[in-house]
C-alpha cells in the first residue's frame, strides 16, 4: 500500500468512534457513602425531600432517614443510619439521557467498569467493588439503565 493510502486509512480509523456512548460521570457515588448529611448536602445541594425511616425497615433495620436530591439528569436518593450515609440510589428518570450499558452506568456514578459482575440476571447485575455492593437495574422492556444502587458492604 502506498504512503498516501496508508495515511488515508489511518485518518479514517482515527475518525471511527470507539463507542456510541460517552462515559459521562454524573456523580461520584462512592464519595457520598459514609458521609454525614451535611457532607452530602455540600456536594449535592439541598435535598428536595427528607423522610424519617422507622426501625425495622429492611434497608435501615435500626431506622434513620432518607434524603432525595434532584439533578437535571438523575434523581439521587441517599439513606442515612447513625448520621452516616449507607446507600446511594441513582435513578435515571429520562430514558433518553440514561446509560445504555451496565458499564456506562458504573462510569456514570464514578466507579470502575473493568471487573466482571458477581451476579448476572436478565435485567440486573451486581458487583462487589472496593468494599461496596453495586447493583445496576436495567429496564427489561427497553434499552437503558433505570437505577444504580451503591451500598456499604456488610462485613461478616
Protein backbone atom coordinates (compact mmCIF):
# COMPACT_ATOMS: atom_id res chain seq x y z
CA UNK A 1 0.00 0.00 0.00
CA UNK A 2 1.30 3.42 -0.86
CA UNK A 3 2.12 6.12 1.65
CA UNK A 4 -0.90 8.23 0.69
CA UNK A 5 -3.27 5.24 1.09
CA UNK A 6 -1.75 4.42 4.49
CA UNK A 7 -2.27 7.99 5.68
CA UNK A 8 -5.88 7.99 4.43
CA UNK A 9 -6.63 4.66 6.16
CA UNK A 10 -5.09 5.90 9.42
CA UNK A 11 -7.21 9.05 9.20
CA UNK A 12 -10.36 7.01 8.69
CA UNK A 13 -9.57 4.74 11.63
CA UNK A 14 -8.95 7.71 13.93
CA UNK A 15 -12.31 9.17 12.93
CA UNK A 16 -14.26 6.00 13.77
CA UNK A 17 -15.90 6.40 17.19
CA UNK A 18 -14.82 3.74 19.68
CA UNK A 19 -18.18 3.81 21.42
CA UNK A 20 -21.54 5.31 20.63
CA UNK A 21 -21.97 6.21 24.27
CA UNK A 22 -19.87 8.73 26.09
CA UNK A 23 -18.81 7.96 29.63
CA UNK A 24 -20.50 10.88 31.37
CA UNK A 25 -19.84 11.00 35.09
CA UNK A 26 -22.96 12.29 36.81
CA UNK A 27 -21.93 11.83 40.42
CA UNK A 28 -19.15 10.25 42.46
CA UNK A 29 -21.42 7.88 44.39
CA UNK A 30 -18.62 6.22 46.37
CA UNK A 31 -17.54 9.56 47.83
CA UNK A 32 -21.10 10.11 49.07
CA UNK A 33 -21.05 6.92 51.16
CA UNK A 34 -20.17 7.10 54.85
CA UNK A 35 -20.60 10.89 54.79
CA UNK A 36 -22.75 12.96 57.09
CA UNK A 37 -25.91 14.57 55.78
CA UNK A 38 -24.16 17.95 55.74
CA UNK A 39 -21.28 16.46 53.74
CA UNK A 40 -23.67 15.02 51.15
CA UNK A 41 -25.58 18.30 51.04
CA UNK A 42 -22.35 20.21 50.43
CA UNK A 43 -21.82 18.02 47.36
CA UNK A 44 -25.38 17.73 46.00
CA UNK A 45 -27.09 20.84 47.33
CA UNK A 46 -30.24 20.98 49.41
CA UNK A 47 -32.46 17.88 49.31
CA UNK A 48 -35.91 18.19 47.77
CA UNK A 49 -37.32 15.76 50.34
CA UNK A 50 -36.30 14.29 53.68
CA UNK A 51 -38.24 11.50 55.34
CA UNK A 52 -37.79 9.52 58.53
CA UNK A 53 -37.34 5.77 58.17
CA UNK A 54 -38.69 3.81 61.17
CA UNK A 55 -36.77 0.96 62.78
CA UNK A 56 -37.49 -2.38 61.13
CA UNK A 57 -37.01 -1.17 57.55
CA UNK A 58 -35.16 -3.80 55.51
CA UNK A 59 -32.56 -1.26 54.27
CA UNK A 60 -32.25 0.58 57.58
CA UNK A 61 -33.06 -2.01 60.29
CA UNK A 62 -32.29 0.41 63.12
CA UNK A 63 -34.07 3.27 61.40
CA UNK A 64 -32.69 6.51 60.07
CA UNK A 65 -33.73 8.91 57.35
CA UNK A 66 -33.65 9.22 53.59
CA UNK A 67 -33.00 12.32 51.52
CA UNK A 68 -33.87 12.84 47.87
CA UNK A 69 -31.74 15.09 45.67
CA UNK A 70 -32.82 16.12 42.18
CA UNK A 71 -30.42 16.82 39.35
CA UNK A 72 -31.37 17.60 35.79
CA UNK A 73 -30.08 14.19 34.64
CA UNK A 74 -30.71 11.96 37.66
CA UNK A 75 -32.50 11.53 40.96
CA UNK A 76 -30.23 10.65 43.88
CA UNK A 77 -31.73 9.02 46.97
CA UNK A 78 -29.41 8.70 49.98
CA UNK A 79 -30.17 6.64 53.11
CA UNK A 80 -28.59 7.62 56.42
CA UNK A 81 -28.08 5.49 59.56
CA UNK A 82 -26.21 6.71 62.64
CA UNK A 83 -25.68 10.06 60.91
CA UNK A 84 -23.72 8.46 58.03
CA UNK A 85 -24.88 7.60 54.53
CA UNK A 86 -25.19 3.88 53.89
CA UNK A 87 -26.88 3.61 50.49
CA UNK A 88 -26.92 5.81 47.39
CA UNK A 89 -29.52 5.16 44.66
CA UNK A 90 -29.08 6.99 41.37
CA UNK A 91 -32.16 6.79 39.14
CA UNK A 92 -32.44 7.96 35.57
CA UNK A 93 -35.97 9.31 35.02
CA UNK A 94 -35.36 10.30 31.40
CA UNK A 95 -34.67 7.27 29.20
CA UNK A 96 -33.02 9.47 26.57
CA UNK A 97 -30.29 10.53 29.00
CA UNK A 98 -29.92 7.21 30.81
CA UNK A 99 -26.86 5.00 30.35
CA UNK A 100 -27.36 2.23 27.77
CA UNK A 101 -24.96 -0.38 29.16
CA UNK A 102 -24.06 -1.72 32.58
CA UNK A 103 -20.51 -0.47 32.13
CA UNK A 104 -21.67 3.03 31.24
CA UNK A 105 -23.88 3.03 34.34
CA UNK A 106 -20.89 2.21 36.53
CA UNK A 107 -18.87 5.02 34.95
CA UNK A 108 -21.82 7.42 35.37
CA UNK A 109 -21.62 7.01 39.14
CA UNK A 110 -17.82 7.22 39.24
CA UNK A 111 -16.98 3.52 39.53
CA UNK A 112 -14.59 1.38 37.53
CA UNK A 113 -16.19 -0.77 34.87
CA UNK A 114 -13.44 -3.31 34.21
CA UNK A 115 -14.47 -6.03 36.69
CA UNK A 116 -16.90 -8.81 35.75
CA UNK A 117 -20.22 -8.83 37.62
CA UNK A 118 -20.53 -11.22 40.58
CA UNK A 119 -24.20 -11.87 39.82
CA UNK A 120 -25.87 -11.59 36.42
CA UNK A 121 -29.59 -11.77 35.71
CA UNK A 122 -31.58 -10.68 32.68
CA UNK A 123 -32.07 -7.09 33.83
CA UNK A 124 -29.87 -6.96 36.92
CA UNK A 125 -26.12 -7.13 37.54
CA UNK A 126 -24.33 -6.98 40.89
CA UNK A 127 -20.68 -6.24 41.65
CA UNK A 128 -18.64 -6.29 44.85
CA UNK A 129 -16.22 -3.45 44.19
CA UNK A 130 -13.76 -1.90 46.61
CA UNK A 131 -15.82 -2.68 49.74
CA UNK A 132 -19.15 -1.70 48.18
CA UNK A 133 -22.06 -3.65 46.79
CA UNK A 134 -23.17 -2.21 43.46
CA UNK A 135 -26.44 -3.20 41.83
CA UNK A 136 -27.42 -2.00 38.36
CA UNK A 137 -31.01 -2.45 37.24
CA UNK A 138 -31.97 -2.23 33.58
CA UNK A 139 -35.41 -1.68 32.13
CA UNK A 140 -36.33 -5.16 30.83
CA UNK A 141 -38.60 -3.68 28.16
CA UNK A 142 -36.21 -1.04 26.86
CA UNK A 143 -32.58 -0.37 26.12
CA UNK A 144 -31.45 1.68 29.09
CA UNK A 145 -30.44 1.52 32.74
CA UNK A 146 -33.06 2.51 35.32
CA UNK A 147 -31.06 2.65 38.51
CA UNK A 148 -27.67 2.14 40.15
CA UNK A 149 -27.61 1.25 43.85
CA UNK A 150 -24.36 1.57 45.77
CA UNK A 151 -24.23 0.46 49.39
CA UNK A 152 -21.66 -0.18 52.07
CA UNK A 153 -20.77 -3.89 52.06
CA UNK A 154 -21.74 -5.72 55.20
CA UNK A 155 -18.75 -7.15 56.98
CA UNK A 156 -19.01 -10.69 58.38
